[in-house]
Protein backbone atom coordinates (compact mmCIF):
# COMPACT_ATOMS: atom_id res chain seq x y z
CA MET A 1 -1.21 -12.19 17.40
CA SER A 2 -0.97 -14.84 20.71
CA THR A 3 -0.89 -13.37 24.46
CA GLN A 4 2.79 -14.82 24.52
CA THR A 5 3.93 -12.63 22.07
CA GLU A 6 2.26 -9.49 23.52
CA THR A 7 3.60 -10.38 26.18
CA ALA A 8 7.02 -10.31 25.07
CA ILE A 9 6.68 -7.31 22.42
CA VAL A 10 6.17 -5.10 26.07
CA LYS A 11 8.66 -6.79 27.87
CA LEU A 12 11.41 -6.25 25.38
CA ARG A 13 10.57 -2.80 24.37
CA GLU A 14 10.56 -1.47 28.11
CA MET A 15 13.80 -3.61 28.78
CA LEU A 16 15.28 -1.74 25.00
CA MET A 17 13.91 1.87 26.66
CA ARG A 18 15.30 1.23 29.97
CA GLY A 19 18.52 0.12 28.42
CA ASP A 20 18.99 -3.42 29.65
CA PHE A 21 20.97 -3.97 26.19
CA ALA A 22 24.02 -2.06 24.53
CA ALA A 23 23.72 -0.09 21.45
CA GLY A 24 24.52 -2.17 18.65
CA GLU A 25 24.06 -5.65 20.59
CA ARG A 26 22.63 -8.84 18.58
CA LEU A 27 19.74 -9.96 20.63
CA GLY A 28 19.68 -13.40 20.32
CA GLU A 29 16.34 -15.76 19.92
CA ASN A 30 16.98 -18.44 22.17
CA LEU A 31 18.46 -16.32 25.09
CA LEU A 32 15.71 -14.24 25.45
CA ALA A 33 13.21 -17.08 24.70
CA GLN A 34 14.62 -18.22 28.16
CA ARG A 35 15.00 -14.88 30.28
CA LEU A 36 11.42 -14.20 29.13
CA GLN A 37 10.77 -17.97 29.57
CA VAL A 38 8.53 -18.07 25.91
CA SER A 39 9.16 -20.10 23.11
CA ARG A 40 11.37 -18.77 20.05
CA THR A 41 8.02 -18.23 18.19
CA PRO A 42 6.70 -15.07 20.42
CA ILE A 43 10.25 -13.73 20.58
CA ARG A 44 11.00 -14.16 17.02
CA LEU A 45 7.44 -11.94 16.28
CA ALA A 46 8.66 -9.42 18.82
CA LEU A 47 11.78 -8.50 17.54
CA ALA A 48 10.19 -7.80 14.21
CA GLU A 49 7.69 -5.93 15.25
CA LEU A 50 9.74 -3.95 17.27
CA ALA A 51 12.50 -3.29 14.34
CA LYS A 52 8.95 -1.73 12.95
CA GLU A 53 9.03 0.40 16.19
CA GLY A 54 12.95 1.84 14.99
CA LEU A 55 14.01 0.21 18.20
CA LEU A 56 16.05 -2.45 16.36
CA GLU A 57 17.69 -3.16 13.26
CA TYR A 58 17.27 -6.09 11.08
CA LYS A 59 20.88 -7.10 9.37
CA THR A 60 21.23 -9.93 6.63
CA ASN A 61 22.75 -12.82 8.50
CA CYS A 62 23.57 -11.10 11.72
CA GLY A 63 19.82 -11.16 12.95
CA PHE A 64 18.63 -7.80 15.09
CA GLU A 65 20.52 -5.37 16.63
CA VAL A 66 19.86 -2.39 19.20
CA ARG A 67 19.85 0.86 17.74
CA SER A 68 21.25 4.07 19.56
CA PHE A 69 19.42 7.30 20.00
CA SER A 70 19.08 10.06 22.69
CA ILE A 71 15.95 11.13 24.48
CA ASP A 72 16.81 14.54 22.73
CA HIS A 73 16.89 12.72 19.37
CA ILE A 74 13.62 11.03 19.32
CA ILE A 75 11.85 14.08 21.04
CA ASN A 76 13.50 16.51 18.40
CA ALA A 77 11.67 14.38 15.53
CA VAL A 78 8.51 13.98 17.49
CA ALA A 79 8.76 17.77 17.74
CA VAL A 80 9.41 18.06 13.94
CA ARG A 81 6.37 15.52 13.23
CA GLU A 82 4.35 18.24 15.14
CA GLN A 83 5.07 21.10 12.77
CA LEU A 84 4.60 18.81 9.53
CA GLU A 85 1.15 17.20 10.70
CA GLY A 86 -0.19 20.36 11.62
CA MET A 87 0.62 21.87 8.33
CA ALA A 88 -1.19 18.21 7.12
CA ALA A 89 -4.21 19.10 9.11
CA ALA A 90 -4.82 22.99 8.11
CA ARG A 91 -4.18 21.98 4.59
CA ALA A 92 -6.59 18.95 4.38
CA ALA A 93 -9.09 21.18 6.22
CA GLU A 94 -8.47 24.26 3.35
CA MET A 95 -9.17 21.53 0.70
CA GLY A 96 -11.59 19.35 2.02
CA VAL A 97 -11.33 15.59 2.38
CA SER A 98 -12.92 13.07 0.31
CA GLU A 99 -15.68 10.70 1.23
CA ALA A 100 -13.31 7.84 1.39
CA HIS A 101 -11.16 10.05 3.95
CA ALA A 102 -13.75 10.95 5.66
CA LYS A 103 -15.00 7.39 5.82
CA THR A 104 -11.37 5.84 7.23
CA LEU A 105 -11.32 9.00 9.85
CA GLU A 106 -14.60 7.75 11.27
CA SER A 107 -14.05 4.53 11.12
CA CYS A 108 -10.86 4.79 13.21
CA LEU A 109 -12.99 6.78 15.61
CA LEU A 110 -15.30 4.43 16.27
CA GLN A 111 -12.59 1.41 16.75
CA ILE A 112 -11.35 3.63 19.60
CA ASP A 113 -14.40 4.20 20.92
CA GLY A 114 -15.00 0.43 20.73
CA LEU A 115 -11.87 -0.02 22.56
CA LEU A 116 -12.50 2.58 25.40
CA LEU A 117 -15.81 0.89 26.23
CA LYS A 118 -14.02 -1.74 27.85
CA PRO A 119 -13.64 -1.53 31.68
CA GLU A 120 -10.10 -1.89 31.44
CA LEU A 121 -7.62 -2.37 28.59
CA ASP A 122 -5.01 -5.20 28.07
CA HIS A 123 -1.65 -4.66 26.03
CA ARG A 124 -3.03 -5.97 23.26
CA ASP A 125 -5.48 -3.33 23.24
CA VAL A 126 -2.87 -0.61 23.25
CA ARG A 127 -1.01 -2.11 20.77
CA ASN A 128 -4.07 -2.02 18.62
CA TRP A 129 -5.02 1.36 19.59
CA ALA A 130 -1.44 2.29 18.20
CA GLU A 131 -2.15 0.92 14.66
CA VAL A 132 -5.43 2.89 14.35
CA ASN A 133 -3.40 5.88 15.92
CA GLY A 134 -1.25 5.61 13.16
CA ILE A 135 -3.98 4.85 10.29
CA PHE A 136 -5.70 8.34 11.57
CA HIS A 137 -2.74 10.22 11.41
CA GLY A 138 -1.24 9.01 8.19
CA THR A 139 -4.96 9.40 6.41
CA ILE A 140 -5.41 13.04 7.29
CA VAL A 141 -1.30 13.63 5.65
CA THR A 142 -2.91 11.69 2.57
CA ALA A 143 -5.70 13.69 2.58
CA SER A 144 -3.36 17.20 2.99
CA GLY A 145 -1.98 16.00 -0.68
CA ASN A 146 1.26 17.46 0.36
CA GLU A 147 3.75 15.01 -0.95
CA VAL A 148 6.89 16.43 0.77
CA ILE A 149 4.89 16.26 3.95
CA ALA A 150 4.18 12.89 3.15
CA ASP A 151 7.61 11.73 2.36
CA MET A 152 9.36 14.00 5.49
CA LEU A 153 6.93 12.39 7.91
CA LYS A 154 8.19 8.76 5.96
CA ARG A 155 11.53 9.49 6.93
CA LEU A 156 10.66 10.19 11.07
CA GLU A 157 9.71 6.17 11.27
CA HIS A 158 12.92 5.18 11.08
CA ILE A 159 13.86 7.12 14.52
CA PRO A 160 12.76 5.28 17.55
CA LEU A 161 8.73 5.57 19.16
CA ALA A 162 8.85 8.96 16.56
CA ALA A 163 5.90 7.83 14.42
CA SER A 164 2.12 8.22 15.09
CA ARG A 165 1.74 4.54 15.21
CA THR A 166 4.01 3.78 18.30
CA PHE A 167 3.52 3.68 21.69
CA ALA A 168 6.10 3.85 24.61
CA GLY A 169 3.82 1.10 26.08
CA THR A 170 5.41 -0.77 29.48
CA TYR A 171 4.36 -2.58 32.01
CA GLU A 172 3.07 0.65 34.23
CA SER A 173 -0.62 1.00 35.10
CA LEU A 174 -2.33 -0.26 32.01
CA THR A 175 -5.03 2.44 33.71
CA ALA A 176 -3.03 5.29 33.15
CA GLN A 177 -2.58 4.04 29.46
CA GLN A 178 -6.15 3.74 29.37
CA ALA A 179 -6.70 7.16 30.40
CA VAL A 180 -3.81 8.86 27.78
CA ILE A 181 -5.69 6.86 25.07
CA ARG A 182 -9.22 8.31 26.32
CA LYS A 183 -7.77 12.08 26.16
CA SER A 184 -5.83 11.21 23.23
CA GLN A 185 -9.44 9.98 21.34
CA VAL A 186 -11.37 13.61 22.75
CA GLU A 187 -8.38 15.67 21.07
CA HIS A 188 -8.62 13.56 17.62
CA ARG A 189 -12.56 14.30 17.25
CA TRP A 190 -11.39 17.93 17.71
CA VAL A 191 -9.15 17.67 15.03
CA TYR A 192 -11.59 15.82 12.68
CA GLU A 193 -14.39 18.10 13.44
CA ALA A 194 -12.34 21.37 12.81
CA ILE A 195 -11.09 19.70 9.29
CA MET A 196 -14.45 18.48 8.53
CA SER A 197 -16.28 22.34 9.16
CA LYS A 198 -13.01 23.45 6.88
CA ASN A 199 -11.33 25.31 10.19
CA SER A 200 -7.61 25.07 9.01
CA GLY A 201 -6.39 27.62 11.72
CA ARG A 202 -7.95 25.26 14.37
CA ALA A 203 -7.50 21.93 12.73
CA GLU A 204 -3.34 23.01 12.81
CA THR A 205 -3.45 24.42 16.09
CA LEU A 206 -5.50 21.45 17.81
CA MET A 207 -3.14 18.81 16.11
CA LYS A 208 -0.07 20.47 17.04
CA GLN A 209 -1.06 20.30 20.63
CA HIS A 210 -2.09 16.64 20.22
CA VAL A 211 1.29 15.85 19.34
CA MET A 212 2.90 18.01 21.89
CA GLU A 213 1.27 16.11 24.52
CA GLY A 214 2.13 13.33 23.10
CA ARG A 215 5.53 14.22 22.91
CA GLN A 216 5.92 15.43 26.73
CA ASN A 217 4.43 12.44 28.15
CA LEU A 218 7.16 10.00 25.96
CA ARG A 219 9.72 12.16 27.68
CA ARG A 220 8.46 11.54 30.78
CA VAL A 221 8.45 7.92 30.04
CA LEU A 222 11.81 7.68 28.97
CA GLU A 223 12.98 9.92 31.50
CA ARG A 224 11.70 7.25 34.03
CA LEU A 225 13.29 4.68 32.30
CA GLN A 226 16.25 6.34 31.99
CA SER A 227 16.64 6.49 35.53
CA GLU A 228 16.16 3.08 36.10
CA GLY A 229 18.83 1.42 33.81
CA ASP A 230 22.48 1.01 33.66
CA HIS A 231 23.70 4.23 32.26
CA ASN A 232 27.35 2.65 31.62
CA LYS A 233 25.38 0.39 28.74
CA HIS A 234 22.22 2.65 28.22
CA PRO A 235 21.44 2.38 24.15
CA PHE A 236 19.91 5.49 23.75
CA LEU A 237 17.97 6.91 26.48
CA LYS A 238 20.58 9.61 27.48
CA LEU A 239 19.76 13.19 28.15
CA PHE A 240 22.54 15.06 26.89
CA ALA A 241 24.14 12.36 23.81
C-alpha cells in the first residue's frame, strides 16, 4: 500500500473519530481528495479499509457512509471481547494447541519483534502490527475449538474499533504508539507461554488483562478526540448517547 494511501487512512480515521462528519453522511471521493490533497485512488482504498474497521458502511449505488456509535457502545463491545477471548485462551491452554497453531503464534511474535527493532515506526508499521495482532488473537480463538466464541467475536467486528485487528491510530506521537505496541508484545508473550504450558487459569487472566488495557487506552484516545470535535454533528463519540 502506498504512502499516500497510508496517510489518507490515518487522516480520515482521525477525522471520523473526532466527529468531522455527521452520522449517515456520504463521503465523496472527489471532495475528500481535494481536502487531503491526494488523488482519488488513495481515497478509494482508504475508504474501503475504514469500512473494514467498522467506521464506515458501504451502500450499493450510494457509496460509503459514516456510521453512528457512542463511545460506550464501542467500549462495551471490547469489554465483551475481553471475556470471550479470556475464555478462548483458557480453553486453548486446556486442550493444547496444534503444531500449526503454535507456529502461527510464534510467527506473529517474531514479526512484531522485527517491527520493534526499528528505531521509529511509521503509520504503515502500525497498521501492519494491527493485522498481525488480529492474526495472533484469532489463532487463539481458533485453537480453542469453541465455535460459539468464534461466532460471537465475529459479530463484534461490525462495531467500530472493537475487533483485535483494528487500532485507533492517529497523528499523535508515533513514539507513544510504539510504546503501546511494545507493551502489548510483552503481554502476548506471557499469554503464549501460559497457553503452551497449559496453564489455563493464567492464560485466561493474562488475556483478559491484555484486552482490558487495550480497552482503557482506546477510551482515552476517543475521549481526547471527542473533546476536540464538533459535538453538534459528532457521529458516535458521545459519552452518554
